[in-house]
Protein backbone atom coordinates (compact mmCIF):
# COMPACT_ATOMS: atom_id res chain seq x y z
CA MET A 1 -43.04 5.99 44.03
CA PRO A 2 -40.70 7.33 41.30
CA HIS A 3 -39.23 3.99 40.26
CA PRO A 4 -42.43 2.54 38.66
CA VAL A 5 -43.05 5.87 36.91
CA ASN A 6 -39.58 5.86 35.37
CA THR A 7 -40.04 2.26 34.28
CA ALA A 8 -43.32 3.10 32.59
CA ASN A 9 -41.76 6.07 30.84
CA ALA A 10 -38.84 4.04 29.50
CA SER A 11 -41.17 1.28 28.31
CA GLY A 12 -43.40 3.83 26.63
CA LEU A 13 -40.46 5.37 24.79
CA ARG A 14 -39.37 1.99 23.44
CA SER A 15 -42.90 1.15 22.30
CA ARG A 16 -43.24 4.50 20.63
CA PHE A 17 -39.95 4.04 18.81
CA LYS A 18 -41.14 0.72 17.36
CA ARG A 19 -44.53 2.11 16.35
CA ASP A 20 -42.96 5.11 14.66
CA HIS A 21 -40.45 3.14 12.60
CA HIS A 22 -42.47 3.68 9.45
CA ALA A 23 -42.82 7.36 10.28
CA THR A 24 -39.03 7.54 10.57
CA LEU A 25 -38.67 6.25 7.01
CA LYS A 26 -41.10 8.90 5.82
CA SER A 27 -39.13 11.51 7.73
CA LEU A 28 -35.99 10.39 5.94
CA ARG A 29 -37.65 10.91 2.56
CA SER A 30 -39.07 14.27 3.68
CA GLU A 31 -35.64 15.42 4.80
CA LYS A 32 -34.25 14.62 1.35
CA VAL A 33 -37.06 16.55 -0.34
CA ARG A 34 -36.54 19.51 1.96
CA LEU A 35 -32.82 19.44 1.18
CA LEU A 36 -33.60 19.48 -2.55
CA TYR A 37 -35.81 22.54 -2.26
CA GLU A 38 -33.40 24.39 0.03
CA ASN A 39 -30.55 23.90 -2.42
CA LEU A 40 -32.57 24.82 -5.51
CA TRP A 41 -32.10 28.59 -5.67
CA SER A 42 -28.39 28.87 -6.40
CA PRO A 43 -28.16 26.21 -9.14
CA VAL A 44 -31.29 27.49 -10.92
CA LEU A 45 -29.99 31.06 -11.00
CA ALA A 46 -26.57 29.78 -12.10
CA SER A 47 -28.30 27.81 -14.84
CA VAL A 48 -30.05 30.93 -16.17
CA LEU A 49 -26.77 32.86 -16.06
CA GLY A 50 -25.04 30.01 -17.91
CA GLY A 51 -27.80 30.09 -20.52
CA ILE A 52 -27.31 33.81 -21.05
CA LEU A 53 -23.54 33.37 -21.48
CA LEU A 54 -24.12 30.49 -23.89
CA VAL A 55 -26.50 32.60 -26.00
CA ALA A 56 -23.91 35.37 -26.10
CA ALA A 57 -21.23 32.89 -27.25
CA LEU A 58 -23.45 31.38 -29.96
CA TRP A 59 -25.05 34.68 -31.11
CA PRO A 60 -22.75 35.14 -34.16
CA VAL A 61 -23.28 31.61 -35.57
CA VAL A 62 -26.80 30.45 -34.57
CA ALA A 63 -30.11 31.84 -35.71
CA HIS A 64 -31.25 34.50 -33.28
CA TRP A 65 -34.80 33.22 -33.05
CA LYS A 66 -33.48 29.85 -31.89
CA LEU A 67 -31.33 31.42 -29.20
CA ILE A 68 -34.04 33.75 -27.93
CA GLY A 69 -36.69 31.04 -27.99
CA TRP A 70 -34.49 28.58 -26.15
CA LEU A 71 -33.45 31.14 -23.53
CA ALA A 72 -37.07 32.13 -22.99
CA LEU A 73 -38.04 28.51 -22.48
CA LEU A 74 -35.18 28.05 -20.00
CA ALA A 75 -36.20 31.17 -18.09
CA MET A 76 -39.83 30.03 -17.96
CA VAL A 77 -38.97 26.58 -16.57
CA SER A 78 -36.51 28.10 -14.10
CA GLY A 79 -39.11 30.58 -12.92
CA LEU A 80 -41.66 27.83 -12.35
CA ARG A 81 -39.12 25.84 -10.34
CA LEU A 82 -38.22 28.82 -8.17
CA GLY A 83 -41.90 29.58 -7.62
CA LEU A 84 -42.43 26.00 -6.56
CA ALA A 85 -39.52 26.24 -4.12
CA TYR A 86 -40.83 29.52 -2.71
CA ARG A 87 -44.25 28.00 -2.11
CA PHE A 88 -42.79 24.88 -0.53
CA GLN A 89 -40.67 26.79 1.96
CA ARG A 90 -43.68 28.79 3.15
CA LEU A 91 -45.65 25.65 4.01
CA PRO A 92 -45.76 24.13 7.51
CA ALA A 93 -43.54 21.12 8.13
CA LEU A 94 -46.48 18.68 8.10
CA GLU A 95 -47.60 19.86 4.67
CA GLN A 96 -44.07 19.57 3.30
CA ARG A 97 -44.12 15.83 4.02
CA ARG A 98 -46.68 15.13 1.30
CA GLN A 99 -45.54 12.91 -1.55
CA ARG A 100 -46.65 15.37 -4.23
CA TRP A 101 -43.84 17.80 -3.49
CA LEU A 102 -41.25 15.23 -4.54
CA ARG A 103 -43.26 14.52 -7.68
CA TRP A 104 -43.44 18.20 -8.62
CA PHE A 105 -39.76 18.70 -7.92
CA SER A 106 -38.78 15.73 -10.11
CA ILE A 107 -40.96 17.06 -12.95
CA GLY A 108 -39.26 20.43 -12.69
CA ALA A 109 -35.77 18.89 -12.66
CA ILE A 110 -36.46 16.64 -15.65
CA SER A 111 -38.04 19.55 -17.53
CA ALA A 112 -34.98 21.73 -16.89
CA GLY A 113 -32.69 18.93 -18.04
CA SER A 114 -34.80 18.47 -21.18
CA VAL A 115 -34.58 22.19 -21.99
CA TRP A 116 -30.82 22.05 -21.74
CA GLY A 117 -30.79 18.87 -23.82
CA LEU A 118 -32.89 20.63 -26.44
CA GLY A 119 -30.35 23.44 -26.45
CA SER A 120 -27.39 21.09 -26.85
CA PHE A 121 -29.18 19.53 -29.84
CA ALA A 122 -30.73 22.57 -31.56
CA LEU A 123 -27.85 24.98 -30.93
CA PHE A 124 -25.09 22.59 -31.97
CA THR A 125 -22.95 24.06 -34.78
CA GLY A 126 -20.46 21.52 -36.09
CA ASP A 127 -18.76 24.03 -38.38
CA HIS A 128 -17.69 26.32 -35.57
CA PRO A 129 -15.31 24.58 -33.13
CA GLY A 130 -15.11 27.50 -30.74
CA GLN A 131 -18.87 27.70 -30.25
CA VAL A 132 -19.10 23.91 -29.94
CA ALA A 133 -16.46 24.05 -27.23
CA ALA A 134 -18.41 26.75 -25.39
CA LEU A 135 -21.61 24.70 -25.67
CA SER A 136 -19.85 21.57 -24.39
CA ILE A 137 -18.26 23.37 -21.44
CA VAL A 138 -21.50 25.01 -20.35
CA VAL A 139 -23.49 21.78 -20.70
CA ALA A 140 -20.88 19.79 -18.78
CA GLY A 141 -20.80 22.42 -16.04
CA ILE A 142 -24.57 22.45 -15.69
CA SER A 143 -24.57 18.64 -15.48
CA ALA A 144 -21.84 18.58 -12.83
CA GLY A 145 -23.61 21.28 -10.82
CA GLY A 146 -26.87 19.39 -11.00
CA VAL A 147 -25.23 16.28 -9.57
CA THR A 148 -24.01 18.11 -6.48
CA THR A 149 -27.44 19.55 -5.69
CA LEU A 150 -29.81 16.78 -6.80
CA SER A 151 -28.05 13.63 -5.59
CA ALA A 152 -30.05 13.50 -2.38
CA ILE A 153 -32.47 11.45 -4.50
CA TRP A 154 -30.42 9.65 -7.12
CA TRP A 155 -33.08 9.10 -9.76
CA VAL A 156 -33.91 12.82 -9.76
CA ALA A 157 -30.26 13.62 -10.49
CA LEU A 158 -30.25 11.11 -13.36
CA GLY A 159 -33.50 12.56 -14.69
CA PHE A 160 -31.79 15.94 -14.87
CA VAL A 161 -28.37 14.89 -16.22
CA LEU A 162 -29.24 12.28 -18.85
CA PRO A 163 -31.52 14.54 -21.00
CA ILE A 164 -28.71 17.13 -20.97
CA MET A 165 -25.77 14.96 -21.92
CA LEU A 166 -27.22 12.38 -24.30
CA PRO A 167 -28.24 14.80 -27.14
CA LEU A 168 -24.81 16.43 -27.12
CA MET A 169 -23.08 13.04 -27.23
CA VAL A 170 -25.27 11.96 -30.14
CA GLN A 171 -24.40 15.14 -32.05
CA PHE A 172 -20.68 14.48 -31.75
CA PHE A 173 -21.01 10.85 -32.77
CA LEU A 174 -23.17 11.82 -35.78
CA LEU A 175 -20.44 14.16 -37.08
CA GLY A 176 -18.31 11.08 -37.72
CA SER A 177 -14.89 12.77 -37.69
CA SER A 178 -12.09 11.35 -35.60
CA LEU A 179 -12.06 14.44 -33.38
CA SER A 180 -15.81 14.42 -32.85
CA LEU A 181 -15.76 10.71 -32.06
CA LEU A 182 -13.00 11.33 -29.54
CA ILE A 183 -14.96 14.17 -27.91
CA GLY A 184 -18.09 12.01 -27.91
CA SER A 185 -16.16 9.24 -26.16
CA MET A 186 -14.81 11.70 -23.61
CA LEU A 187 -18.32 12.97 -22.94
CA THR A 188 -19.46 9.37 -22.50
CA LEU A 189 -16.70 8.84 -19.95
CA PHE A 190 -17.64 12.12 -18.27
CA LEU A 191 -21.27 11.01 -18.07
CA GLY A 192 -20.21 7.72 -16.52
CA LEU A 193 -18.14 9.54 -13.91
CA ILE A 194 -21.07 11.84 -13.16
CA VAL A 195 -23.39 8.87 -12.67
CA VAL A 196 -20.92 7.12 -10.35
CA THR A 197 -20.29 10.33 -8.42
CA SER A 198 -24.00 10.98 -8.12
CA ARG A 199 -24.53 7.50 -6.72
CA ARG A 200 -21.79 7.96 -4.15
CA LEU A 201 -23.09 11.36 -3.14
CA SER A 202 -26.56 9.91 -2.85
CA ARG A 203 -25.28 7.25 -0.46
CA ILE A 204 -23.35 9.78 1.59
CA ILE A 205 -26.33 12.12 1.79
CA HIS A 206 -28.61 9.21 2.62
CA ASP A 207 -26.29 8.07 5.42
CA ASN A 208 -25.98 11.56 6.85
CA ILE A 209 -29.70 12.26 6.70
CA SER A 210 -30.49 8.79 8.05
CA LEU A 211 -28.15 9.38 10.95
CA ARG A 212 -29.77 12.72 11.71
CA VAL A 213 -33.29 11.33 11.47
CA ASN A 214 -32.50 8.29 13.61
CA MET A 215 -30.78 10.35 16.26
CA ALA A 216 -33.75 12.71 16.39
CA ALA A 217 -36.14 9.78 16.75
CA ARG A 218 -34.12 8.40 19.66
CA GLU A 219 -33.53 11.70 21.37
CA ALA A 220 -36.11 11.11 24.09
CA GLN A 221 -34.78 7.62 24.82
CA LEU A 222 -31.18 8.78 25.06
CA MET A 223 -31.80 12.00 27.00
CA GLU A 224 -31.28 10.41 30.41
CA SER A 225 -28.11 8.57 29.45
CA GLU A 226 -26.85 11.68 27.63
CA ASP A 227 -27.08 13.71 30.83
CA ARG A 228 -25.55 10.90 32.87
CA TYR A 229 -22.51 10.37 30.71
CA ARG A 230 -21.91 13.84 29.27
CA SER A 231 -19.32 14.77 31.87
CA ILE A 232 -17.54 11.45 31.21
CA PHE A 233 -17.56 12.12 27.47
CA ASP A 234 -16.10 15.59 27.86
CA GLN A 235 -13.53 14.90 30.58
CA SER A 236 -12.52 11.27 30.22
CA PRO A 237 -8.89 10.63 29.22
CA LEU A 238 -10.18 7.51 27.45
CA GLY A 239 -12.27 7.18 24.34
CA VAL A 240 -15.93 6.41 25.06
CA LEU A 241 -18.63 5.16 22.74
CA HIS A 242 -22.25 4.03 23.08
CA PHE A 243 -23.81 1.34 20.94
CA ASP A 244 -27.33 -0.03 20.71
CA ASP A 245 -28.50 -3.62 21.03
CA GLN A 246 -27.60 -4.23 17.36
CA GLY A 247 -23.99 -3.16 17.84
CA THR A 248 -24.51 0.15 16.02
CA ILE A 249 -22.53 3.10 17.36
CA THR A 250 -24.87 5.81 18.59
CA ASP A 251 -22.46 8.25 20.22
CA CYS A 252 -18.78 8.80 21.01
CA ASN A 253 -16.59 11.43 22.62
CA GLY A 254 -13.93 13.59 21.07
CA LYS A 255 -11.11 11.55 22.59
CA LEU A 256 -12.18 8.49 20.61
CA LEU A 257 -12.17 10.48 17.36
CA GLU A 258 -8.69 11.67 18.28
CA ILE A 259 -7.53 8.11 18.98
CA LEU A 260 -8.91 6.72 15.72
CA GLY A 261 -8.12 9.83 13.67
CA VAL A 262 -11.56 9.94 12.03
CA GLU A 263 -14.51 12.27 11.71
CA ARG A 264 -17.67 11.74 13.72
CA GLY A 265 -19.67 10.90 10.60
CA GLN A 266 -17.45 7.88 9.95
CA LEU A 267 -18.43 6.33 13.28
CA MET A 268 -22.04 7.33 13.82
CA GLY A 269 -24.33 4.59 12.59
CA TYR A 270 -21.45 2.18 12.01
CA CYS A 271 -22.44 -1.36 12.99
CA MET A 272 -19.69 -3.22 14.83
CA LEU A 273 -21.53 -6.51 14.26
CA ALA A 274 -21.76 -6.13 10.49
CA PRO A 275 -20.20 -8.91 8.35
CA SER A 276 -17.52 -6.48 7.16
CA ALA A 277 -16.60 -5.35 10.69
CA ASP A 278 -13.52 -6.46 12.61
CA LYS A 279 -14.18 -10.01 13.84
CA ALA A 280 -12.44 -9.56 17.19
CA VAL A 281 -14.34 -6.32 17.88
CA ALA A 282 -17.61 -7.97 16.86
CA ARG A 283 -16.90 -10.83 19.25
CA ALA A 284 -16.23 -8.39 22.11
CA VAL A 285 -19.44 -6.45 21.36
CA SER A 286 -21.41 -9.69 21.16
CA ASP A 287 -19.97 -10.82 24.50
CA ALA A 288 -21.00 -7.50 26.06
CA LEU A 289 -24.57 -7.81 24.73
CA ASN A 290 -24.94 -11.49 25.63
CA GLN A 291 -22.80 -11.90 28.73
CA GLY A 292 -22.47 -8.36 30.05
CA THR A 293 -18.76 -7.76 29.33
CA GLY A 294 -16.38 -8.00 26.39
CA TYR A 295 -12.72 -7.21 25.78
CA TYR A 296 -10.69 -6.31 22.70
CA GLU A 297 -6.99 -5.64 22.29
CA GLY A 298 -5.21 -5.18 18.99
CA THR A 299 -4.63 -2.84 16.07
CA TYR A 300 -8.08 -1.66 15.06
CA GLN A 301 -8.76 -0.40 11.54
CA LEU A 302 -12.04 0.95 10.27
CA PRO A 303 -13.18 -0.19 6.81
CA LYS A 304 -11.54 1.87 4.03
CA ALA A 305 -9.06 3.33 6.53
CA SER A 306 -5.42 3.34 5.45
CA VAL A 307 -3.88 2.61 8.84
CA GLY A 308 -4.92 1.01 12.12
CA THR A 309 -4.63 2.17 15.72
CA PRO A 310 -3.23 -0.01 18.55
CA LEU A 311 -5.81 0.05 21.33
CA ARG A 312 -7.68 -1.97 23.88
CA ALA A 313 -11.36 -1.65 24.67
CA PHE A 314 -13.59 -2.74 27.56
CA PHE A 315 -17.20 -3.34 26.48
CA ASN A 316 -20.04 -3.41 29.00
CA GLY A 317 -23.69 -4.08 28.36
CA VAL A 318 -26.31 -1.59 29.54
CA HIS A 319 -29.65 -2.83 30.91
CA SER A 320 -32.93 -1.00 31.19
CA THR A 321 -34.81 -0.77 34.46
CA ARG A 322 -36.60 -3.98 33.42
CA GLN A 323 -33.22 -5.73 33.01
CA GLU A 324 -33.46 -5.83 29.24
CA MET A 325 -30.24 -5.39 27.28
CA VAL A 326 -30.63 -2.12 25.38
CA GLY A 327 -27.03 -1.58 24.23
CA GLY A 328 -23.67 -0.93 25.77
CA VAL A 329 -20.79 1.40 26.45
CA ALA A 330 -17.10 0.93 25.66
CA MET A 331 -14.00 2.53 27.16
CA ILE A 332 -11.11 2.68 24.68
CA GLU A 333 -7.46 3.20 25.58
CA ASP A 334 -4.91 4.25 22.97
CA PHE A 335 -1.94 1.87 22.92
CA SER A 336 0.06 3.80 20.29
CA GLU A 337 2.49 5.42 22.71
CA ARG A 338 2.84 2.21 24.69
CA LYS A 339 3.60 0.25 21.52
CA GLN A 340 6.15 2.86 20.50
CA HIS A 341 7.78 2.74 23.92
CA GLU A 342 7.84 -1.06 23.81
CA ALA A 343 9.44 -0.95 20.37
CA ILE A 344 12.04 1.55 21.59
CA ILE A 345 12.79 -0.51 24.69
CA TYR A 346 13.05 -3.69 22.61
CA ARG A 347 15.40 -1.93 20.17
CA GLN A 348 17.57 -0.65 22.97
CA ALA A 349 17.65 -4.05 24.65
CA TYR A 350 18.39 -6.20 21.59
CA TYR A 351 20.16 -4.01 19.01
CA ASP A 352 23.48 -2.21 18.87
CA ALA A 353 22.94 1.55 18.79
CA LEU A 354 25.84 2.27 16.42
CA THR A 355 25.60 -0.45 13.76
CA ASP A 356 21.91 -1.38 14.14
CA LEU A 357 22.94 -5.03 14.27
CA PRO A 358 21.63 -7.41 16.94
CA ASN A 359 23.65 -7.10 20.13
CA ARG A 360 25.26 -9.75 22.37
CA ARG A 361 22.04 -10.41 24.29
CA MET A 362 19.92 -11.06 21.21
CA PHE A 363 22.63 -13.17 19.59
CA ILE A 364 23.07 -15.41 22.61
CA GLU A 365 19.29 -15.87 22.97
CA ARG A 366 19.13 -16.82 19.30
CA LEU A 367 21.97 -19.29 19.76
CA GLU A 368 20.31 -20.80 22.83
CA THR A 369 17.06 -21.24 20.93
CA LEU A 370 18.86 -22.80 17.98
CA CYS A 371 20.36 -25.68 19.95
CA GLY A 372 17.82 -28.46 19.65
CA ASP A 373 15.95 -26.83 16.74
CA ASP A 374 15.15 -29.46 14.12
CA GLN A 375 14.60 -26.94 11.33
CA TYR A 376 18.33 -26.66 10.64
CA ALA A 377 20.66 -29.66 10.83
CA SER A 378 23.95 -27.80 11.30
CA GLY A 379 25.77 -24.52 10.88
CA LEU A 380 28.83 -22.43 11.67
CA LEU A 381 29.62 -19.77 14.25
CA LEU A 382 32.07 -17.03 13.26
CA PHE A 383 33.97 -14.86 15.73
CA MET A 384 35.99 -11.96 14.26
CA ASP A 385 37.62 -8.64 14.96
CA LEU A 386 39.32 -6.06 12.77
CA ASP A 387 43.09 -5.86 12.29
CA ARG A 388 44.63 -2.45 13.09
CA PHE A 389 41.32 -1.05 14.37
CA LYS A 390 43.04 0.72 17.30
CA LEU A 391 45.49 2.30 14.90
CA ILE A 392 42.64 3.70 12.78
CA ASN A 393 40.95 5.10 15.88
CA ASP A 394 44.19 6.76 16.99
CA THR A 395 45.12 8.22 13.60
CA LEU A 396 41.80 9.06 11.93
CA GLY A 397 39.72 9.57 15.06
CA HIS A 398 36.78 7.85 16.72
CA ALA A 399 34.31 9.16 14.13
CA ALA A 400 36.21 7.32 11.42
CA GLY A 401 36.36 4.25 13.63
CA ASP A 402 32.58 4.35 14.11
CA ASP A 403 32.11 4.77 10.37
CA LEU A 404 34.29 1.72 9.78
CA LEU A 405 32.23 -0.37 12.18
CA ILE A 406 29.03 0.68 10.42
CA GLN A 407 30.46 -0.24 7.02
CA VAL A 408 31.59 -3.62 8.34
CA ALA A 409 28.09 -4.23 9.72
CA ARG A 410 26.50 -3.49 6.34
CA ARG A 411 28.92 -5.82 4.56
CA LEU A 412 28.21 -8.57 7.05
CA GLU A 413 24.48 -8.16 6.45
CA GLY A 414 25.11 -8.51 2.73
CA CYS A 415 26.66 -11.94 3.33
CA LEU A 416 23.71 -13.34 5.27
CA HIS A 417 21.31 -15.94 3.93
CA LYS A 418 17.79 -16.60 5.15
CA GLY A 419 17.86 -17.62 8.82
CA ASP A 420 21.41 -16.29 9.42
CA MET A 421 22.31 -13.58 11.92
CA ALA A 422 25.21 -11.16 12.39
CA ALA A 423 25.77 -9.26 15.63
CA ARG A 424 28.20 -6.86 17.23
CA LEU A 425 29.46 -8.04 20.61
CA SER A 426 31.57 -5.04 21.62
CA GLY A 427 34.23 -2.78 20.20
CA ASP A 428 35.37 -4.23 16.88
CA GLU A 429 34.23 -7.76 17.72
CA PHE A 430 31.51 -9.26 15.51
CA VAL A 431 29.89 -12.68 15.37
CA LEU A 432 27.97 -14.40 12.61
CA LEU A 433 25.69 -17.40 12.80
CA ALA A 434 25.02 -19.26 9.55
CA LEU A 435 22.73 -22.29 9.20
CA THR A 436 22.39 -25.08 6.66
CA PRO A 437 20.35 -28.28 6.26
CA THR A 438 23.59 -30.10 5.36
CA THR A 439 24.17 -33.19 7.53
CA THR A 440 27.35 -34.96 6.37
CA PRO A 441 30.68 -33.73 7.84
CA LYS A 442 32.37 -33.36 4.42
CA ALA A 443 29.47 -31.38 2.96
CA LEU A 444 29.35 -29.20 6.08
CA GLU A 445 33.08 -28.52 5.85
CA ASP A 446 32.89 -27.57 2.17
CA TRP A 447 29.86 -25.34 2.76
CA ALA A 448 31.54 -23.61 5.72
CA GLU A 449 34.74 -23.01 3.77
CA ASP A 450 32.82 -21.43 0.88
CA TYR A 451 30.78 -19.29 3.26
CA MET A 452 33.83 -18.08 5.18
CA GLN A 453 35.69 -17.30 1.98
CA ALA A 454 32.78 -15.17 0.77
CA VAL A 455 32.66 -13.29 4.11
CA GLN A 456 36.40 -12.69 4.12
CA LEU A 457 36.31 -11.45 0.55
CA ALA A 458 33.47 -9.05 1.30
CA LEU A 459 35.16 -7.63 4.40
CA SER A 460 38.65 -7.29 2.91
CA ALA A 461 37.80 -4.76 0.20
CA PRO A 462 39.08 -1.20 0.90
CA TYR A 463 36.96 1.11 3.07
CA ARG A 464 36.35 4.80 2.42
CA LEU A 465 36.95 6.76 5.62
CA GLU A 466 37.01 10.58 5.58
CA SER A 467 38.24 10.79 1.96
CA HIS A 468 40.84 8.10 2.68
CA SER A 469 40.86 4.64 1.16
CA VAL A 470 41.83 2.31 4.00
CA ASP A 471 42.65 -1.39 3.84
CA VAL A 472 41.20 -3.16 6.88
CA THR A 473 41.20 -6.92 7.13
CA PRO A 474 39.38 -9.21 9.57
CA SER A 475 40.85 -11.99 11.70
CA MET A 476 38.25 -14.72 11.80
CA GLY A 477 37.78 -17.90 13.72
CA TYR A 478 34.86 -20.22 13.26
CA THR A 479 33.51 -23.54 14.39
CA CYS A 480 31.08 -25.94 12.75
CA PHE A 481 28.38 -27.62 14.80
CA GLN A 482 25.33 -29.85 14.76
CA ALA A 483 22.19 -28.03 15.90
CA SER A 484 20.80 -30.96 17.85
CA GLY A 485 22.15 -30.91 21.39
CA CYS A 486 24.72 -28.14 20.88
CA ASP A 487 25.94 -25.96 23.78
CA HIS A 488 25.90 -22.26 22.95
CA GLY A 489 28.56 -21.42 25.54
CA GLU A 490 30.97 -24.01 24.16
CA LEU A 491 30.36 -22.83 20.60
CA LEU A 492 31.31 -19.27 21.54
CA LYS A 493 34.48 -20.49 23.27
CA GLU A 494 35.46 -22.58 20.27
CA ALA A 495 34.96 -19.72 17.82
CA ASP A 496 36.91 -17.36 20.13
CA LEU A 497 39.82 -19.83 20.38
CA ALA A 498 39.86 -20.20 16.60
CA MET A 499 40.02 -16.42 16.21
CA TYR A 500 42.92 -16.28 18.66
CA GLN A 501 44.79 -18.76 16.47
CA ALA A 502 44.03 -16.60 13.42
CA LYS A 503 45.45 -13.55 15.22
CA THR A 504 48.67 -15.38 16.08
CA LYS A 505 49.22 -16.16 12.38
CA GLY A 506 49.09 -12.49 11.31
CA ARG A 507 46.51 -10.33 9.62
CA ALA A 508 43.63 -11.35 7.34
CA GLN A 509 43.64 -14.94 8.55
CA ARG A 510 40.80 -17.32 9.21
CA ARG A 511 40.94 -20.53 11.19
CA ARG A 512 38.48 -23.28 11.92
CA TYR A 513 38.36 -24.59 15.46
CA GLN A 514 40.24 -27.81 16.18
CA PRO A 515 40.40 -29.60 19.57
CA TRP A 516 44.14 -28.98 19.93
CA MET A 517 43.41 -25.22 20.17
CA ARG A 518 41.72 -25.74 23.52
CA GLU A 519 44.62 -27.80 24.79
CA GLU A 520 47.12 -25.11 23.76
CA ALA A 521 45.05 -22.41 25.46
CA GLN A 522 44.92 -24.47 28.65
CA LYS A 523 48.73 -24.87 28.58
CA LEU A 524 49.19 -21.14 28.17
CA ALA A 525 46.80 -20.49 31.06
CA SER A 526 48.68 -23.00 33.26
CA ALA A 527 51.98 -21.27 32.42
CA GLY A 528 50.52 -17.97 33.62
CA MET A 529 50.51 -16.26 30.20
CA PRO A 530 47.03 -15.11 29.18
CA ALA A 531 46.05 -15.90 25.61
CA GLU A 532 45.23 -12.31 24.77
CA ASN A 533 48.68 -11.10 25.87
CA SER A 534 50.34 -13.76 23.78
CA ALA A 535 48.22 -12.78 20.78
CA SER A 536 49.22 -9.17 21.10
């Protein structure tokens, strides 16, 4: 009966994981100690070489017995540290876990830092700037190198760096000159940066080692699911991630890293239920763990990331054979291309390709929405086209005509106030919708007249077309309206009729719609003479 056996095995793995939690913490510390010993050889040898170069630089100005004595002391401490590392690496793994190896390593690091600090104090020669510079550079380099190799355990790195830097800083401050005080301040700043960097490196190393240790501890538990889902991970066109019952990401495929544009280390061990995590994602994960399924759609951004990624994710809880929730799996789909396509389609549907202004469709929808909107009491609707536009197209060419339309569009945009809209209907026909909270007819009329005068003035200035300065004027008709209960179709007709009247009066004219204009247009239509023919 294989089913009960598998159940017992899974239960045993979970129990073992809980019992060995303390052992995992010890493993984390042991991994840090092992990392310290493995990385010891290069910096120690570099330290001895740096000491030799420093002695050579200071040989002409410092007593020889001091230099030789200090170098001998440095070589002795370095030799003891390397001997300790050699012995450690020859021990079995179980023996390396003993606490004493960290204690001996820290003693060696602090001793080495103290030797260098003694050198920065005893070998300091304030009367020789060149040698002082050499001493400062070597000491700073040794300190920086120590940070990169000792930050696995932060206090060990501090125990090495502080004895090195503090004596040198004190020496500069004791000199009392403005230059020495400045250098002492710079060294203080440098020490602060080293401490901050060491702390950050310590956290990064801790996170990386913790991830490795935790994954190793869970390897037996995840082996079955790893085999089951590996083909999905490698071949799925969607991003896939696993998370445990605490919402912590335990695995993901390469497609997900590609979607999010991150490295694996940024995701592994990241808790999606943490207080700093995305609230919508946390809610979806919580739903998956509590109810079995969860869903997220939006622009997801990891903490400290500069940009987000449009995506949607389906979260599903995973149960053990005893129906206990042990975590979940998520399938993530990248919405970036879809969002881009939607944006392109929206742009093509609602904006004019030449002028980048809203097109007829968007303008009419805006006008329809406006009627009945209580935010604005009233406004004006402008309908205009350009005088002599056909002549410009015929003489200067269509490229010049397109350039003219673009320049007109930009000038119209410059006239707009908040809430206003300009659009290109077709050809050289443009419309403008301007809104105001004004309610009284006289105030509306004065406001509209000022607005139209400003638009006409902006559009009537000469245009530069293919090295030619061209005077192009607009013929404009407009109508004023009350937003409450207006009819967008009637407003467009009124503005069009007003523009027709402006065209009949010559170039560069503007007219406000009056009721008699409709009556005159109806008479012309009854007589069989279309308004546009009469205007021409």
